[in-house]
Amino acid sequence: MYDLIVKYVETGDPAFLEKAAGEALRSGAFLEHVLDLILITPVEKLPPSARRLAAGVKHLVSTANCSSLPQRLAVPCEIAKRRLDFIKVEGEKVPEVEALGADRVIYAFCKATGTIVE
């Protein structure tokens, strides 16, 4: 999986980001790294799986009840809500992202946006 991320960085070929985002949707593998790539890729160049992942993350973070998360994520979650404009697609509920769980998705988004999480 990590080789797809490296190939995308080396080549800029969206096919590699498509595969990496698809795997992140299925299993959550390397989620924060895939989100890093999504955030630095111009929105018009995002392949379908990357758009879907970004839309799902944006929706999940925007609707998260931060106070119900573990204490170590409560404040980072509030910060993450303020950084949602980093994702340039509209948010939408994506079952695969919801299945990954709020803790995992918010942690990955925080890491991708430079928010400190314990």
PDB file of N, CA and C in Angstrom:
ATOM      1  N   MET A   1       0.816  -1.195   0.000  1.00  0.00           N
ATOM      2  CA  MET A   1       0.000   0.000   0.000  1.00  0.00           C
ATOM      3  C   MET A   1       0.863   1.264   0.000  1.00  0.00           C
ATOM      4  N   TYR A   2       1.897   1.280   0.841  1.00  0.00           N
ATOM      5  CA  TYR A   2       2.735   2.472   0.917  1.00  0.00           C
ATOM      6  C   TYR A   2       3.417   2.751  -0.414  1.00  0.00           C
ATOM      7  N   ASP A   3       3.687   1.698  -1.193  1.00  0.00           N
ATOM      8  CA  ASP A   3       4.317   1.891  -2.498  1.00  0.00           C
ATOM      9  C   ASP A   3       3.423   2.698  -3.431  1.00  0.00           C
ATOM     10  N   LEU A   4       2.099   2.591  -3.294  1.00  0.00           N
ATOM     11  CA  LEU A   4       1.186   3.404  -4.108  1.00  0.00           C
ATOM     12  C   LEU A   4       1.344   4.880  -3.766  1.00  0.00           C
ATOM     13  N   ILE A   5       1.504   5.166  -2.498  1.00  0.00           N
ATOM     14  CA  ILE A   5       1.684   6.551  -2.047  1.00  0.00           C
ATOM     15  C   ILE A   5       2.988   7.113  -2.600  1.00  0.00           C
ATOM     16  N   VAL A   6       4.046   6.334  -2.501  1.00  0.00           N
ATOM     17  CA  VAL A   6       5.351   6.759  -3.013  1.00  0.00           C
ATOM     18  C   VAL A   6       5.278   6.980  -4.528  1.00  0.00           C
ATOM     19  N   LYS A   7       4.651   6.067  -5.239  1.00  0.00           N
ATOM     20  CA  LYS A   7       4.530   6.199  -6.703  1.00  0.00           C
ATOM     21  C   LYS A   7       3.754   7.461  -7.077  1.00  0.00           C
ATOM     22  N   TYR A   8       2.698   7.766  -6.327  1.00  0.00           N
ATOM     23  CA  TYR A   8       1.943   8.980  -6.616  1.00  0.00           C
ATOM     24  C   TYR A   8       2.810  10.217  -6.406  1.00  0.00           C
ATOM     25  N   VAL A   9       3.557  10.227  -5.325  1.00  0.00           N
ATOM     26  CA  VAL A   9       4.437  11.366  -5.040  1.00  0.00           C
ATOM     27  C   VAL A   9       5.499  11.499  -6.128  1.00  0.00           C
ATOM     28  N   GLU A  10       6.059  10.381  -6.558  1.00  0.00           N
ATOM     29  CA  GLU A  10       7.115  10.404  -7.576  1.00  0.00           C
ATOM     30  C   GLU A  10       6.597  10.794  -8.955  1.00  0.00           C
ATOM     31  N   THR A  11       5.399  10.303  -9.316  1.00  0.00           N
ATOM     32  CA  THR A  11       4.926  10.472 -10.695  1.00  0.00           C
ATOM     33  C   THR A  11       3.797  11.479 -10.855  1.00  0.00           C
ATOM     34  N   GLY A  12       3.008  11.664  -9.812  1.00  0.00           N
ATOM     35  CA  GLY A  12       1.830  12.514  -9.932  1.00  0.00           C
ATOM     36  C   GLY A  12       0.693  11.847 -10.691  1.00  0.00           C
ATOM     37  N   ASP A  13       0.854  10.570 -10.998  1.00  0.00           N
ATOM     38  CA  ASP A  13      -0.172   9.833 -11.746  1.00  0.00           C
ATOM     39  C   ASP A  13      -1.372   9.577 -10.832  1.00  0.00           C
ATOM     40  N   PRO A  14      -2.541  10.139 -11.179  1.00  0.00           N
ATOM     41  CA  PRO A  14      -3.706   9.989 -10.315  1.00  0.00           C
ATOM     42  C   PRO A  14      -4.182   8.542 -10.156  1.00  0.00           C
ATOM     43  N   ALA A  15      -3.750   7.654 -11.023  1.00  0.00           N
ATOM     44  CA  ALA A  15      -4.132   6.242 -10.886  1.00  0.00           C
ATOM     45  C   ALA A  15      -3.605   5.669  -9.564  1.00  0.00           C
ATOM     46  N   PHE A  16      -2.434   6.118  -9.141  1.00  0.00           N
ATOM     47  CA  PHE A  16      -1.876   5.641  -7.870  1.00  0.00           C
ATOM     48  C   PHE A  16      -2.663   6.186  -6.686  1.00  0.00           C
ATOM     49  N   LEU A  17      -3.078   7.448  -6.769  1.00  0.00           N
ATOM     50  CA  LEU A  17      -3.898   8.019  -5.697  1.00  0.00           C
ATOM     51  C   LEU A  17      -5.260   7.334  -5.664  1.00  0.00           C
ATOM     52  N   GLU A  18      -5.795   7.015  -6.815  1.00  0.00           N
ATOM     53  CA  GLU A  18      -7.076   6.309  -6.890  1.00  0.00           C
ATOM     54  C   GLU A  18      -6.996   4.971  -6.155  1.00  0.00           C
ATOM     55  N   LYS A  19      -5.943   4.223  -6.403  1.00  0.00           N
ATOM     56  CA  LYS A  19      -5.777   2.919  -5.744  1.00  0.00           C
ATOM     57  C   LYS A  19      -5.566   3.081  -4.237  1.00  0.00           C
ATOM     58  N   ALA A  20      -4.737   4.035  -3.855  1.00  0.00           N
ATOM     59  CA  ALA A  20      -4.466   4.256  -2.428  1.00  0.00           C
ATOM     60  C   ALA A  20      -5.731   4.706  -1.703  1.00  0.00           C
ATOM     61  N   ALA A  21      -6.496   5.609  -2.321  1.00  0.00           N
ATOM     62  CA  ALA A  21      -7.734   6.088  -1.699  1.00  0.00           C
ATOM     63  C   ALA A  21      -8.763   4.961  -1.620  1.00  0.00           C
ATOM     64  N   GLY A  22      -8.823   4.140  -2.636  1.00  0.00           N
ATOM     65  CA  GLY A  22      -9.732   2.994  -2.607  1.00  0.00           C
ATOM     66  C   GLY A  22      -9.406   2.054  -1.462  1.00  0.00           C
ATOM     67  N   GLU A  23      -8.128   1.803  -1.260  1.00  0.00           N
ATOM     68  CA  GLU A  23      -7.706   0.932  -0.153  1.00  0.00           C
ATOM     69  C   GLU A  23      -7.987   1.594   1.193  1.00  0.00           C
ATOM     70  N   ALA A  24      -7.776   2.897   1.285  1.00  0.00           N
ATOM     71  CA  ALA A  24      -8.075   3.615   2.527  1.00  0.00           C
ATOM     72  C   ALA A  24      -9.575   3.560   2.835  1.00  0.00           C
ATOM     73  N   LEU A  25     -10.406   3.639   1.803  1.00  0.00           N
ATOM     74  CA  LEU A  25     -11.853   3.521   1.998  1.00  0.00           C
ATOM     75  C   LEU A  25     -12.229   2.127   2.507  1.00  0.00           C
ATOM     76  N   ARG A  26     -11.583   1.109   1.959  1.00  0.00           N
ATOM     77  CA  ARG A  26     -11.903  -0.273   2.333  1.00  0.00           C
ATOM     78  C   ARG A  26     -11.397  -0.645   3.732  1.00  0.00           C
ATOM     79  N   SER A  27     -10.173  -0.214   4.051  1.00  0.00           N
ATOM     80  CA  SER A  27      -9.563  -0.715   5.279  1.00  0.00           C
ATOM     81  C   SER A  27      -9.033   0.360   6.219  1.00  0.00           C
ATOM     82  N   GLY A  28      -8.965   1.580   5.764  1.00  0.00           N
ATOM     83  CA  GLY A  28      -8.386   2.646   6.573  1.00  0.00           C
ATOM     84  C   GLY A  28      -6.866   2.675   6.522  1.00  0.00           C
ATOM     85  N   ALA A  29      -6.270   1.821   5.685  1.00  0.00           N
ATOM     86  CA  ALA A  29      -4.810   1.732   5.606  1.00  0.00           C
ATOM     87  C   ALA A  29      -4.199   3.066   5.175  1.00  0.00           C
ATOM     88  N   PHE A  30      -3.203   3.492   5.934  1.00  0.00           N
ATOM     89  CA  PHE A  30      -2.459   4.715   5.632  1.00  0.00           C
ATOM     90  C   PHE A  30      -3.380   5.922   5.424  1.00  0.00           C
ATOM     91  N   LEU A  31      -4.464   5.953   6.174  1.00  0.00           N
ATOM     92  CA  LEU A  31      -5.474   6.991   6.001  1.00  0.00           C
ATOM     93  C   LEU A  31      -4.894   8.397   6.088  1.00  0.00           C
ATOM     94  N   GLU A  32      -4.060   8.660   7.095  1.00  0.00           N
ATOM     95  CA  GLU A  32      -3.538  10.027   7.236  1.00  0.00           C
ATOM     96  C   GLU A  32      -2.629  10.401   6.066  1.00  0.00           C
ATOM     97  N   HIS A  33      -1.896   9.429   5.513  1.00  0.00           N
ATOM     98  CA  HIS A  33      -1.023   9.716   4.371  1.00  0.00           C
ATOM     99  C   HIS A  33      -1.834   9.991   3.112  1.00  0.00           C
ATOM    100  N   VAL A  34      -2.883   9.221   2.916  1.00  0.00           N
ATOM    101  CA  VAL A  34      -3.756   9.446   1.753  1.00  0.00           C
ATOM    102  C   VAL A  34      -4.435  10.801   1.888  1.00  0.00           C
ATOM    103  N   LEU A  35      -4.873  11.156   3.088  1.00  0.00           N
ATOM    104  CA  LEU A  35      -5.476  12.481   3.287  1.00  0.00           C
ATOM    105  C   LEU A  35      -4.461  13.590   3.029  1.00  0.00           C
ATOM    106  N   ASP A  36      -3.213  13.386   3.424  1.00  0.00           N
ATOM    107  CA  ASP A  36      -2.157  14.362   3.098  1.00  0.00           C
ATOM    108  C   ASP A  36      -2.135  14.629   1.597  1.00  0.00           C
ATOM    109  N   LEU A  37      -2.132  13.554   0.824  1.00  0.00           N
ATOM    110  CA  LEU A  37      -2.059  13.684  -0.635  1.00  0.00           C
ATOM    111  C   LEU A  37      -3.305  14.351  -1.202  1.00  0.00           C
ATOM    112  N   ILE A  38      -4.458  14.001  -0.658  1.00  0.00           N
ATOM    113  CA  ILE A  38      -5.702  14.625  -1.116  1.00  0.00           C
ATOM    114  C   ILE A  38      -5.673  16.125  -0.865  1.00  0.00           C
ATOM    115  N   LEU A  39      -5.166  16.526   0.294  1.00  0.00           N
ATOM    116  CA  LEU A  39      -5.152  17.951   0.642  1.00  0.00           C
ATOM    117  C   LEU A  39      -4.199  18.763  -0.223  1.00  0.00           C
ATOM    118  N   ILE A  40      -3.158  18.139  -0.749  1.00  0.00           N
ATOM    119  CA  ILE A  40      -2.207  18.898  -1.573  1.00  0.00           C
ATOM    120  C   ILE A  40      -2.478  18.771  -3.073  1.00  0.00           C
ATOM    121  N   THR A  41      -3.445  17.937  -3.428  1.00  0.00           N
ATOM    122  CA  THR A  41      -3.780  17.745  -4.842  1.00  0.00           C
ATOM    123  C   THR A  41      -4.896  18.712  -5.228  1.00  0.00           C
ATOM    124  N   PRO A  42      -4.733  19.437  -6.337  1.00  0.00           N
ATOM    125  CA  PRO A  42      -5.826  20.316  -6.783  1.00  0.00           C
ATOM    126  C   PRO A  42      -7.119  19.511  -6.951  1.00  0.00           C
ATOM    127  N   VAL A  43      -8.217  20.072  -6.498  1.00  0.00           N
ATOM    128  CA  VAL A  43      -9.489  19.346  -6.476  1.00  0.00           C
ATOM    129  C   VAL A  43      -9.874  18.810  -7.851  1.00  0.00           C
ATOM    130  N   GLU A  44      -9.568  19.540  -8.898  1.00  0.00           N
ATOM    131  CA  GLU A  44      -9.946  19.089 -10.245  1.00  0.00           C
ATOM    132  C   GLU A  44      -9.139  17.872 -10.702  1.00  0.00           C
ATOM    133  N   LYS A  45      -8.060  17.563  -9.993  1.00  0.00           N
ATOM    134  CA  LYS A  45      -7.234  16.406 -10.345  1.00  0.00           C
ATOM    135  C   LYS A  45      -7.476  15.201  -9.437  1.00  0.00           C
ATOM    136  N   LEU A  46      -8.397  15.326  -8.492  1.00  0.00           N
ATOM    137  CA  LEU A  46      -8.670  14.209  -7.587  1.00  0.00           C
ATOM    138  C   LEU A  46      -9.443  13.115  -8.319  1.00  0.00           C
ATOM    139  N   PRO A  47      -8.953  11.878  -8.249  1.00  0.00           N
ATOM    140  CA  PRO A  47      -9.699  10.769  -8.846  1.00  0.00           C
ATOM    141  C   PRO A  47     -10.943  10.448  -7.998  1.00  0.00           C
ATOM    142  N   PRO A  48     -11.878   9.664  -8.540  1.00  0.00           N
ATOM    143  CA  PRO A  48     -13.156   9.411  -7.859  1.00  0.00           C
ATOM    144  C   PRO A  48     -13.047   8.874  -6.429  1.00  0.00           C
ATOM    145  N   SER A  49     -12.206   7.906  -6.175  1.00  0.00           N
ATOM    146  CA  SER A  49     -12.099   7.360  -4.809  1.00  0.00           C
ATOM    147  C   SER A  49     -11.552   8.395  -3.840  1.00  0.00           C
ATOM    148  N   ALA A  50     -10.633   9.223  -4.299  1.00  0.00           N
ATOM    149  CA  ALA A  50     -10.079  10.270  -3.443  1.00  0.00           C
ATOM    150  C   ALA A  50     -11.145  11.319  -3.127  1.00  0.00           C
ATOM    151  N   ARG A  51     -11.956  11.672  -4.115  1.00  0.00           N
ATOM    152  CA  ARG A  51     -13.055  12.616  -3.880  1.00  0.00           C
ATOM    153  C   ARG A  51     -14.044  12.044  -2.870  1.00  0.00           C
ATOM    154  N   ARG A  52     -14.365  10.771  -3.053  1.00  0.00           N
ATOM    155  CA  ARG A  52     -15.324  10.114  -2.155  1.00  0.00           C
ATOM    156  C   ARG A  52     -14.780  10.071  -0.727  1.00  0.00           C
ATOM    157  N   LEU A  53     -13.525   9.726  -0.586  1.00  0.00           N
ATOM    158  CA  LEU A  53     -12.900   9.694   0.737  1.00  0.00           C
ATOM    159  C   LEU A  53     -12.914  11.082   1.362  1.00  0.00           C
ATOM    160  N   ALA A  54     -12.520  12.083   0.600  1.00  0.00           N
ATOM    161  CA  ALA A  54     -12.493  13.459   1.113  1.00  0.00           C
ATOM    162  C   ALA A  54     -13.892  13.916   1.525  1.00  0.00           C
ATOM    163  N   ALA A  55     -14.887  13.624   0.708  1.00  0.00           N
ATOM    164  CA  ALA A  55     -16.263  14.017   1.017  1.00  0.00           C
ATOM    165  C   ALA A  55     -16.749  13.340   2.293  1.00  0.00           C
ATOM    166  N   GLY A  56     -16.418  12.071   2.448  1.00  0.00           N
ATOM    167  CA  GLY A  56     -16.826  11.337   3.642  1.00  0.00           C
ATOM    168  C   GLY A  56     -16.146  11.842   4.896  1.00  0.00           C
ATOM    169  N   VAL A  57     -14.863  12.151   4.785  1.00  0.00           N
ATOM    170  CA  VAL A  57     -14.125  12.690   5.934  1.00  0.00           C
ATOM    171  C   VAL A  57     -14.700  14.047   6.322  1.00  0.00           C
ATOM    172  N   LYS A  58     -14.961  14.881   5.334  1.00  0.00           N
ATOM    173  CA  LYS A  58     -15.508  16.209   5.632  1.00  0.00           C
ATOM    174  C   LYS A  58     -16.854  16.091   6.348  1.00  0.00           C
ATOM    175  N   HIS A  59     -17.702  15.208   5.876  1.00  0.00           N
ATOM    176  CA  HIS A  59     -19.010  15.025   6.511  1.00  0.00           C
ATOM    177  C   HIS A  59     -18.860  14.488   7.932  1.00  0.00           C
ATOM    178  N   LEU A  60     -18.051  13.453   8.093  1.00  0.00           N
ATOM    179  CA  LEU A  60     -17.899  12.842   9.413  1.00  0.00           C
ATOM    180  C   LEU A  60     -17.350  13.847  10.423  1.00  0.00           C
ATOM    181  N   VAL A  61     -16.321  14.580  10.044  1.00  0.00           N
ATOM    182  CA  VAL A  61     -15.731  15.550  10.972  1.00  0.00           C
ATOM    183  C   VAL A  61     -16.736  16.662  11.285  1.00  0.00           C
ATOM    184  N   SER A  62     -17.440  17.138  10.262  1.00  0.00           N
ATOM    185  CA  SER A  62     -18.370  18.251  10.485  1.00  0.00           C
ATOM    186  C   SER A  62     -19.540  17.859  11.383  1.00  0.00           C
ATOM    187  N   THR A  63     -19.910  16.591  11.383  1.00  0.00           N
ATOM    188  CA  THR A  63     -21.057  16.156  12.186  1.00  0.00           C
ATOM    189  C   THR A  63     -20.656  15.468  13.488  1.00  0.00           C
ATOM    190  N   ALA A  64     -19.372  15.337  13.735  1.00  0.00           N
ATOM    191  CA  ALA A  64     -18.902  14.632  14.935  1.00  0.00           C
ATOM    192  C   ALA A  64     -19.287  15.379  16.208  1.00  0.00           C
ATOM    193  N   ASN A  65     -19.643  14.621  17.211  1.00  0.00           N
ATOM    194  CA  ASN A  65     -19.885  15.166  18.552  1.00  0.00           C
ATOM    195  C   ASN A  65     -18.556  15.057  19.294  1.00  0.00           C
ATOM    196  N   CYS A  66     -17.787  16.116  19.267  1.00  0.00           N
ATOM    197  CA  CYS A  66     -16.431  16.087  19.823  1.00  0.00           C
ATOM    198  C   CYS A  66     -16.404  15.729  21.303  1.00  0.00           C
ATOM    199  N   SER A  67     -17.408  16.148  22.043  1.00  0.00           N
ATOM    200  CA  SER A  67     -17.415  15.874  23.482  1.00  0.00           C
ATOM    201  C   SER A  67     -17.641  14.395  23.794  1.00  0.00           C
ATOM    202  N   SER A  68     -18.105  13.621  22.823  1.00  0.00           N
ATOM    203  CA  SER A  68     -18.320  12.193  23.057  1.00  0.00           C
ATOM    204  C   SER A  68     -17.092  11.348  22.714  1.00  0.00           C
ATOM    205  N   LEU A  69     -16.065  11.990  22.178  1.00  0.00           N
ATOM    206  CA  LEU A  69     -14.838  11.280  21.811  1.00  0.00           C
ATOM    207  C   LEU A  69     -13.940  11.113  23.034  1.00  0.00           C
ATOM    208  N   PRO A  70     -12.967  10.216  22.951  1.00  0.00           N
ATOM    209  CA  PRO A  70     -11.998  10.123  24.055  1.00  0.00           C
ATOM    210  C   PRO A  70     -11.364  11.494  24.304  1.00  0.00           C
ATOM    211  N   GLN A  71     -11.015  11.758  25.542  1.00  0.00           N
ATOM    212  CA  GLN A  71     -10.508  13.074  25.938  1.00  0.00           C
ATOM    213  C   GLN A  71      -9.360  13.552  25.058  1.00  0.00           C
ATOM    214  N   ARG A  72      -8.471  12.634  24.667  1.00  0.00           N
ATOM    215  CA  ARG A  72      -7.314  13.030  23.860  1.00  0.00           C
ATOM    216  C   ARG A  72      -7.707  13.549  22.476  1.00  0.00           C
ATOM    217  N   LEU A  73      -8.945  13.267  22.031  1.00  0.00           N
ATOM    218  CA  LEU A  73      -9.405  13.720  20.717  1.00  0.00           C
ATOM    219  C   LEU A  73     -10.413  14.861  20.775  1.00  0.00           C
ATOM    220  N   ALA A  74     -10.921  15.183  21.939  1.00  0.00           N
ATOM    221  CA  ALA A  74     -11.987  16.182  22.042  1.00  0.00           C
ATOM    222  C   ALA A  74     -11.553  17.552  21.518  1.00  0.00           C
ATOM    223  N   VAL A  75     -10.445  18.071  22.001  1.00  0.00           N
ATOM    224  CA  VAL A  75      -9.976  19.389  21.540  1.00  0.00           C
ATOM    225  C   VAL A  75      -9.477  19.321  20.088  1.00  0.00           C
ATOM    226  N   PRO A  76      -8.677  18.319  19.705  1.00  0.00           N
ATOM    227  CA  PRO A  76      -8.283  18.225  18.296  1.00  0.00           C
ATOM    228  C   PRO A  76      -9.495  18.148  17.358  1.00  0.00           C
ATOM    229  N   CYS A  77     -10.570  17.498  17.791  1.00  0.00           N
ATOM    230  CA  CYS A  77     -11.778  17.419  16.978  1.00  0.00           C
ATOM    231  C   CYS A  77     -12.349  18.812  16.723  1.00  0.00           C
ATOM    232  N   GLU A  78     -12.391  19.636  17.752  1.00  0.00           N
ATOM    233  CA  GLU A  78     -12.890  21.013  17.595  1.00  0.00           C
ATOM    234  C   GLU A  78     -12.000  21.799  16.635  1.00  0.00           C
ATOM    235  N   ILE A  79     -10.706  21.597  16.728  1.00  0.00           N
ATOM    236  CA  ILE A  79      -9.774  22.262  15.804  1.00  0.00           C
ATOM    237  C   ILE A  79     -10.000  21.752  14.390  1.00  0.00           C
ATOM    238  N   ALA A  80     -10.190  20.452  14.249  1.00  0.00           N
ATOM    239  CA  ALA A  80     -10.423  19.853  12.931  1.00  0.00           C
ATOM    240  C   ALA A  80     -11.656  20.460  12.264  1.00  0.00           C
ATOM    241  N   LYS A  81     -12.690  20.708  13.024  1.00  0.00           N
ATOM    242  CA  LYS A  81     -13.900  21.318  12.473  1.00  0.00           C
ATOM    243  C   LYS A  81     -13.600  22.692  11.854  1.00  0.00           C
ATOM    244  N   ARG A  82     -12.630  23.394  12.425  1.00  0.00           N
ATOM    245  CA  ARG A  82     -12.260  24.714  11.902  1.00  0.00           C
ATOM    246  C   ARG A  82     -11.369  24.618  10.661  1.00  0.00           C
ATOM    247  N   ARG A  83     -10.859  23.431  10.398  1.00  0.00           N
ATOM    248  CA  ARG A  83      -9.953  23.243   9.259  1.00  0.00           C
ATOM    249  C   ARG A  83     -10.610  22.509   8.095  1.00  0.00           C
ATOM    250  N   LEU A  84     -11.903  22.362   8.151  1.00  0.00           N
ATOM    251  CA  LEU A  84     -12.596  21.625   7.090  1.00  0.00           C
ATOM    252  C   LEU A  84     -12.499  22.296   5.731  1.00  0.00           C
ATOM    253  N   ASP A  85     -12.198  23.595   5.716  1.00  0.00           N
ATOM    254  CA  ASP A  85     -12.057  24.271   4.423  1.00  0.00           C
ATOM    255  C   ASP A  85     -10.819  23.797   3.671  1.00  0.00           C
ATOM    256  N   PHE A  86      -9.954  23.025   4.323  1.00  0.00           N
ATOM    257  CA  PHE A  86      -8.811  22.411   3.627  1.00  0.00           C
ATOM    258  C   PHE A  86      -9.294  21.399   2.598  1.00  0.00           C
ATOM    259  N   ILE A  87     -10.462  20.801   2.848  1.00  0.00           N
ATOM    260  CA  ILE A  87     -11.043  19.823   1.918  1.00  0.00           C
ATOM    261  C   ILE A  87     -11.931  20.590   0.950  1.00  0.00           C
ATOM    262  N   LYS A  88     -11.587  20.551  -0.309  1.00  0.00           N
ATOM    263  CA  LYS A  88     -12.235  21.392  -1.314  1.00  0.00           C
ATOM    264  C   LYS A  88     -13.421  20.745  -2.020  1.00  0.00           C
ATOM    265  N   VAL A  89     -13.905  19.616  -1.502  1.00  0.00           N
ATOM    266  CA  VAL A  89     -15.107  18.999  -2.059  1.00  0.00           C
ATOM    267  C   VAL A  89     -16.226  19.134  -1.036  1.00  0.00           C
ATOM    268  N   GLU A  90     -17.468  19.000  -1.493  1.00  0.00           N
ATOM    269  CA  GLU A  90     -18.605  19.045  -0.586  1.00  0.00           C
ATOM    270  C   GLU A  90     -18.631  17.778   0.258  1.00  0.00           C
ATOM    271  N   GLY A  91     -18.995  17.923   1.508  1.00  0.00           N
ATOM    272  CA  GLY A  91     -19.109  16.767   2.375  1.00  0.00           C
ATOM    273  C   GLY A  91     -20.339  15.948   2.045  1.00  0.00           C
ATOM    274  N   GLU A  92     -20.220  14.652   2.187  1.00  0.00           N
ATOM    275  CA  GLU A  92     -21.367  13.768   2.025  1.00  0.00           C
ATOM    276  C   GLU A  92     -21.146  12.513   2.862  1.00  0.00           C
ATOM    277  N   LYS A  93     -22.229  11.925   3.297  1.00  0.00           N
ATOM    278  CA  LYS A  93     -22.121  10.708   4.107  1.00  0.00           C
ATOM    279  C   LYS A  93     -21.645   9.564   3.215  1.00  0.00           C
ATOM    280  N   VAL A  94     -20.547   8.952   3.612  1.00  0.00           N
ATOM    281  CA  VAL A  94     -19.961   7.836   2.872  1.00  0.00           C
ATOM    282  C   VAL A  94     -19.876   6.660   3.847  1.00  0.00           C
ATOM    283  N   PRO A  95     -20.656   5.603   3.602  1.00  0.00           N
ATOM    284  CA  PRO A  95     -20.702   4.491   4.551  1.00  0.00           C
ATOM    285  C   PRO A  95     -19.330   3.902   4.895  1.00  0.00           C
ATOM    286  N   GLU A  96     -18.441   3.814   3.924  1.00  0.00           N
ATOM    287  CA  GLU A  96     -17.116   3.254   4.196  1.00  0.00           C
ATOM    288  C   GLU A  96     -16.336   4.108   5.185  1.00  0.00           C
ATOM    289  N   VAL A  97     -16.465   5.419   5.080  1.00  0.00           N
ATOM    290  CA  VAL A  97     -15.775   6.323   6.002  1.00  0.00           C
ATOM    291  C   VAL A  97     -16.421   6.224   7.388  1.00  0.00           C
ATOM    292  N   GLU A  98     -17.737   6.202   7.432  1.00  0.00           N
ATOM    293  CA  GLU A  98     -18.442   6.063   8.709  1.00  0.00           C
ATOM    294  C   GLU A  98     -18.016   4.771   9.407  1.00  0.00           C
ATOM    295  N   ALA A  99     -17.825   3.701   8.626  1.00  0.00           N
ATOM    296  CA  ALA A  99     -17.450   2.400   9.189  1.00  0.00           C
ATOM    297  C   ALA A  99     -16.049   2.419   9.811  1.00  0.00           C
ATOM    298  N   LEU A 100     -15.195   3.322   9.363  1.00  0.00           N
ATOM    299  CA  LEU A 100     -13.852   3.423   9.936  1.00  0.00           C
ATOM    300  C   LEU A 100     -13.892   3.954  11.367  1.00  0.00           C
ATOM    301  N   GLY A 101     -14.953   4.675  11.694  1.00  0.00           N
ATOM    302  CA  GLY A 101     -15.123   5.211  13.049  1.00  0.00           C
ATOM    303  C   GLY A 101     -14.611   6.628  13.181  1.00  0.00           C
ATOM    304  N   ALA A 102     -15.328   7.393  13.982  1.00  0.00           N
ATOM    305  CA  ALA A 102     -14.985   8.803  14.174  1.00  0.00           C
ATOM    306  C   ALA A 102     -13.594   8.971  14.764  1.00  0.00           C
ATOM    307  N   ASP A 103     -13.233   8.152  15.732  1.00  0.00           N
ATOM    308  CA  ASP A 103     -11.919   8.285  16.375  1.00  0.00           C
ATOM    309  C   ASP A 103     -10.804   8.206  15.331  1.00  0.00           C
ATOM    310  N   ARG A 104     -10.864   7.183  14.521  1.00  0.00           N
ATOM    311  CA  ARG A 104      -9.801   6.944  13.534  1.00  0.00           C
ATOM    312  C   ARG A 104      -9.758   8.030  12.461  1.00  0.00           C
ATOM    313  N   VAL A 105     -10.923   8.404  11.966  1.00  0.00           N
ATOM    314  CA  VAL A 105     -10.981   9.405  10.893  1.00  0.00           C
ATOM    315  C   VAL A 105     -10.550  10.773  11.410  1.00  0.00           C
ATOM    316  N   ILE A 106     -11.015  11.161  12.563  1.00  0.00           N
ATOM    317  CA  ILE A 106     -10.645  12.464  13.115  1.00  0.00           C
ATOM    318  C   ILE A 106      -9.155  12.496  13.442  1.00  0.00           C
ATOM    319  N   TYR A 107      -8.641  11.417  13.995  1.00  0.00           N
ATOM    320  CA  TYR A 107      -7.198  11.338  14.258  1.00  0.00           C
ATOM    321  C   TYR A 107      -6.406  11.518  12.958  1.00  0.00           C
ATOM    322  N   ALA A 108      -6.793  10.816  11.907  1.00  0.00           N
ATOM    323  CA  ALA A 108      -6.077  10.903  10.626  1.00  0.00           C
ATOM    324  C   ALA A 108      -6.184  12.302  10.026  1.00  0.00           C
ATOM    325  N   PHE A 109      -7.366  12.905  10.086  1.00  0.00           N
ATOM    326  CA  PHE A 109      -7.528  14.252   9.548  1.00  0.00           C
ATOM    327  C   PHE A 109      -6.692  15.246  10.339  1.00  0.00           C
ATOM    328  N   CYS A 110      -6.670  15.096  11.650  1.00  0.00           N
ATOM    329  CA  CYS A 110      -5.845  15.979  12.481  1.00  0.00           C
ATOM    330  C   CYS A 110      -4.362  15.847  12.096  1.00  0.00           C
ATOM    331  N   LYS A 111      -3.898  14.634  11.955  1.00  0.00           N
ATOM    332  CA  LYS A 111      -2.493  14.412  11.558  1.00  0.00           C
ATOM    333  C   LYS A 111      -2.217  15.034  10.194  1.00  0.00           C
ATOM    334  N   ALA A 112      -3.132  14.885   9.251  1.00  0.00           N
ATOM    335  CA  ALA A 112      -2.950  15.418   7.906  1.00  0.00           C
ATOM    336  C   ALA A 112      -2.944  16.946   7.885  1.00  0.00           C
ATOM    337  N   THR A 113      -3.633  17.561   8.827  1.00  0.00           N
ATOM    338  CA  THR A 113      -3.687  19.028   8.849  1.00  0.00           C
ATOM    339  C   THR A 113      -2.720  19.651   9.847  1.00  0.00           C
ATOM    340  N   GLY A 114      -1.902  18.821  10.480  1.00  0.00           N
ATOM    341  CA  GLY A 114      -0.889  19.349  11.383  1.00  0.00           C
ATOM    342  C   GLY A 114      -1.383  19.648  12.780  1.00  0.00           C
ATOM    343  N   THR A 115      -2.541  19.129  13.129  1.00  0.00           N
ATOM    344  CA  THR A 115      -3.074  19.315  14.477  1.00  0.00           C
ATOM    345  C   THR A 115      -2.427  18.283  15.393  1.00  0.00           C
ATOM    346  N   ILE A 116      -1.918  18.727  16.506  1.00  0.00           N
ATOM    347  CA  ILE A 116      -1.233  17.831  17.450  1.00  0.00           C
ATOM    348  C   ILE A 116      -2.265  16.979  18.167  1.00  0.00           C
ATOM    349  N   VAL A 117      -2.030  15.670  18.128  1.00  0.00           N
ATOM    350  CA  VAL A 117      -2.867  14.695  18.823  1.00  0.00           C
ATOM    351  C   VAL A 117      -1.944  13.801  19.620  1.00  0.00           C
ATOM    352  N   GLU A 118      -2.314  13.536  20.859  1.00  0.00           N
ATOM    353  CA  GLU A 118      -1.490  12.655  21.703  1.00  0.00           C
ATOM    354  C   GLU A 118      -1.567  11.233  21.214  1.00  0.00           C
TER     355      GLU A 118
END
